[in-house]
Amino acid sequence: MAEIFGAARIGFGAQFDHAWEYMQMVQVHLWLLVFMAIVLVVEYGVLRVAERRVFRRRA
């Protein structure tokens, strides 16, 4: 989260901040899509699988 709010000098947050600062809206949208894709992969590929394994005894 720190990278998103500008604490990092390199990486996703820095690229997004640079595109936002120079009003490069195509790149801003592309970086947002990349971020959303990463969040969805983590949610459905990692967290949901782990949740099913942890709570499989409940069902």
N, C-alpha and C. Protein backbone atom coordinates (compact mmCIF):
# COMPACT_ATOMS: atom_id res chain seq x y z
N MET A 1 0.82 -1.19 0.00
CA MET A 1 0.00 0.00 0.00
C MET A 1 0.86 1.26 0.00
N ALA A 2 2.03 1.20 0.62
CA ALA A 2 2.89 2.38 0.66
C ALA A 2 3.32 2.79 -0.74
N GLU A 3 3.52 1.81 -1.61
CA GLU A 3 3.96 2.13 -2.95
C GLU A 3 2.87 2.88 -3.72
N ILE A 4 1.63 2.52 -3.48
CA ILE A 4 0.52 3.19 -4.16
C ILE A 4 0.44 4.65 -3.76
N PHE A 5 0.73 4.94 -2.51
CA PHE A 5 0.61 6.31 -2.03
C PHE A 5 1.89 7.12 -2.20
N GLY A 6 2.83 6.64 -2.96
CA GLY A 6 3.98 7.44 -3.33
C GLY A 6 5.21 7.30 -2.47
N ALA A 7 5.28 6.32 -1.60
CA ALA A 7 6.44 6.17 -0.74
C ALA A 7 7.63 5.55 -1.48
N ALA A 8 7.35 4.85 -2.58
CA ALA A 8 8.42 4.18 -3.32
C ALA A 8 8.89 5.04 -4.49
N ARG A 9 10.12 4.86 -4.85
CA ARG A 9 10.71 5.58 -5.98
C ARG A 9 10.65 4.76 -7.27
N ILE A 10 10.47 3.45 -7.12
CA ILE A 10 10.36 2.57 -8.28
C ILE A 10 9.13 1.68 -8.10
N GLY A 11 8.69 1.06 -9.16
CA GLY A 11 7.59 0.13 -9.06
C GLY A 11 6.27 0.70 -9.55
N PHE A 12 5.21 0.00 -9.23
CA PHE A 12 3.87 0.35 -9.70
C PHE A 12 3.47 1.76 -9.28
N GLY A 13 3.63 2.05 -8.00
CA GLY A 13 3.21 3.35 -7.47
C GLY A 13 3.94 4.51 -8.13
N ALA A 14 5.23 4.34 -8.34
CA ALA A 14 6.02 5.40 -8.97
C ALA A 14 5.61 5.60 -10.42
N GLN A 15 5.36 4.51 -11.12
CA GLN A 15 4.92 4.63 -12.52
C GLN A 15 3.55 5.29 -12.60
N PHE A 16 2.65 4.89 -11.71
CA PHE A 16 1.31 5.48 -11.69
C PHE A 16 1.39 6.97 -11.36
N ASP A 17 2.19 7.31 -10.36
CA ASP A 17 2.34 8.71 -9.96
C ASP A 17 2.93 9.55 -11.09
N HIS A 18 3.91 9.01 -11.79
CA HIS A 18 4.52 9.73 -12.91
C HIS A 18 3.49 9.97 -14.01
N ALA A 19 2.72 8.95 -14.36
CA ALA A 19 1.71 9.10 -15.40
C ALA A 19 0.64 10.09 -14.97
N TRP A 20 0.24 10.07 -13.70
CA TRP A 20 -0.77 10.98 -13.19
C TRP A 20 -0.25 12.42 -13.21
N GLU A 21 1.00 12.59 -12.80
CA GLU A 21 1.59 13.93 -12.73
C GLU A 21 1.67 14.59 -14.09
N TYR A 22 1.97 13.81 -15.13
CA TYR A 22 2.10 14.36 -16.47
C TYR A 22 0.84 14.17 -17.31
N MET A 23 -0.27 13.83 -16.64
CA MET A 23 -1.59 13.73 -17.28
C MET A 23 -1.58 12.78 -18.48
N GLN A 24 -0.90 11.67 -18.35
CA GLN A 24 -0.88 10.64 -19.39
C GLN A 24 -1.98 9.64 -19.05
N MET A 25 -3.20 9.99 -19.42
CA MET A 25 -4.37 9.24 -18.97
C MET A 25 -4.42 7.81 -19.51
N VAL A 26 -3.88 7.58 -20.68
CA VAL A 26 -3.86 6.20 -21.19
C VAL A 26 -3.01 5.34 -20.27
N GLN A 27 -1.84 5.84 -19.87
CA GLN A 27 -0.98 5.07 -18.97
C GLN A 27 -1.60 4.94 -17.58
N VAL A 28 -2.28 5.98 -17.11
CA VAL A 28 -2.96 5.90 -15.81
C VAL A 28 -3.98 4.76 -15.84
N HIS A 29 -4.76 4.70 -16.89
CA HIS A 29 -5.76 3.64 -16.99
C HIS A 29 -5.11 2.27 -17.12
N LEU A 30 -4.03 2.18 -17.86
CA LEU A 30 -3.35 0.90 -17.99
C LEU A 30 -2.78 0.43 -16.66
N TRP A 31 -2.18 1.35 -15.89
CA TRP A 31 -1.63 0.96 -14.59
C TRP A 31 -2.75 0.56 -13.63
N LEU A 32 -3.90 1.22 -13.73
CA LEU A 32 -5.04 0.82 -12.89
C LEU A 32 -5.53 -0.57 -13.27
N LEU A 33 -5.55 -0.88 -14.56
CA LEU A 33 -5.95 -2.21 -15.00
C LEU A 33 -4.97 -3.28 -14.51
N VAL A 34 -3.68 -2.95 -14.56
CA VAL A 34 -2.68 -3.89 -14.05
C VAL A 34 -2.89 -4.13 -12.55
N PHE A 35 -3.14 -3.07 -11.81
CA PHE A 35 -3.37 -3.19 -10.38
C PHE A 35 -4.62 -4.02 -10.09
N MET A 36 -5.69 -3.77 -10.83
CA MET A 36 -6.92 -4.53 -10.64
C MET A 36 -6.71 -6.01 -10.97
N ALA A 37 -5.94 -6.30 -12.00
CA ALA A 37 -5.66 -7.68 -12.36
C ALA A 37 -4.88 -8.39 -11.26
N ILE A 38 -3.91 -7.70 -10.68
CA ILE A 38 -3.13 -8.29 -9.59
C ILE A 38 -4.02 -8.57 -8.39
N VAL A 39 -4.88 -7.62 -8.06
CA VAL A 39 -5.79 -7.81 -6.92
C VAL A 39 -6.72 -9.00 -7.16
N LEU A 40 -7.26 -9.12 -8.37
CA LEU A 40 -8.16 -10.23 -8.68
C LEU A 40 -7.45 -11.57 -8.64
N VAL A 41 -6.23 -11.62 -9.14
CA VAL A 41 -5.46 -12.87 -9.09
C VAL A 41 -5.19 -13.28 -7.65
N VAL A 42 -4.81 -12.32 -6.83
CA VAL A 42 -4.55 -12.63 -5.42
C VAL A 42 -5.84 -13.07 -4.73
N GLU A 43 -6.93 -12.36 -4.99
CA GLU A 43 -8.20 -12.70 -4.34
C GLU A 43 -8.69 -14.09 -4.73
N TYR A 44 -8.81 -14.35 -6.02
CA TYR A 44 -9.40 -15.61 -6.47
C TYR A 44 -8.38 -16.74 -6.60
N GLY A 45 -7.13 -16.43 -6.80
CA GLY A 45 -6.13 -17.47 -6.97
C GLY A 45 -5.45 -17.88 -5.68
N VAL A 46 -5.40 -17.00 -4.71
CA VAL A 46 -4.68 -17.30 -3.47
C VAL A 46 -5.62 -17.32 -2.27
N LEU A 47 -6.31 -16.23 -2.04
CA LEU A 47 -7.11 -16.12 -0.82
C LEU A 47 -8.30 -17.07 -0.80
N ARG A 48 -9.00 -17.18 -1.92
CA ARG A 48 -10.17 -18.09 -1.96
C ARG A 48 -9.74 -19.54 -1.78
N VAL A 49 -8.63 -19.93 -2.38
CA VAL A 49 -8.13 -21.29 -2.23
C VAL A 49 -7.74 -21.54 -0.78
N ALA A 50 -7.05 -20.61 -0.18
CA ALA A 50 -6.65 -20.75 1.22
C ALA A 50 -7.88 -20.78 2.13
N GLU A 51 -8.87 -19.96 1.83
CA GLU A 51 -10.08 -19.93 2.64
C GLU A 51 -10.82 -21.26 2.57
N ARG A 52 -10.92 -21.84 1.38
CA ARG A 52 -11.58 -23.14 1.24
C ARG A 52 -10.84 -24.22 2.03
N ARG A 53 -9.53 -24.19 2.01
CA ARG A 53 -8.76 -25.20 2.76
C ARG A 53 -8.90 -25.03 4.26
N VAL A 54 -8.91 -23.79 4.70
CA VAL A 54 -9.01 -23.54 6.14
C VAL A 54 -10.38 -23.91 6.68
N PHE A 55 -11.43 -23.60 5.92
CA PHE A 55 -12.79 -23.81 6.40
C PHE A 55 -13.46 -25.06 5.84
N ARG A 56 -12.72 -26.00 5.29
CA ARG A 56 -13.35 -27.17 4.70
C ARG A 56 -13.97 -28.09 5.74
N ARG A 57 -13.56 -28.03 6.98
CA ARG A 57 -14.13 -28.86 8.03
C ARG A 57 -15.47 -28.33 8.49
N ARG A 58 -15.76 -27.05 8.25
CA ARG A 58 -17.02 -26.46 8.70
C ARG A 58 -18.19 -26.97 7.88
N ALA A 59 -18.00 -27.24 6.62
CA ALA A 59 -19.13 -27.63 5.76
C ALA A 59 -19.47 -29.08 5.84
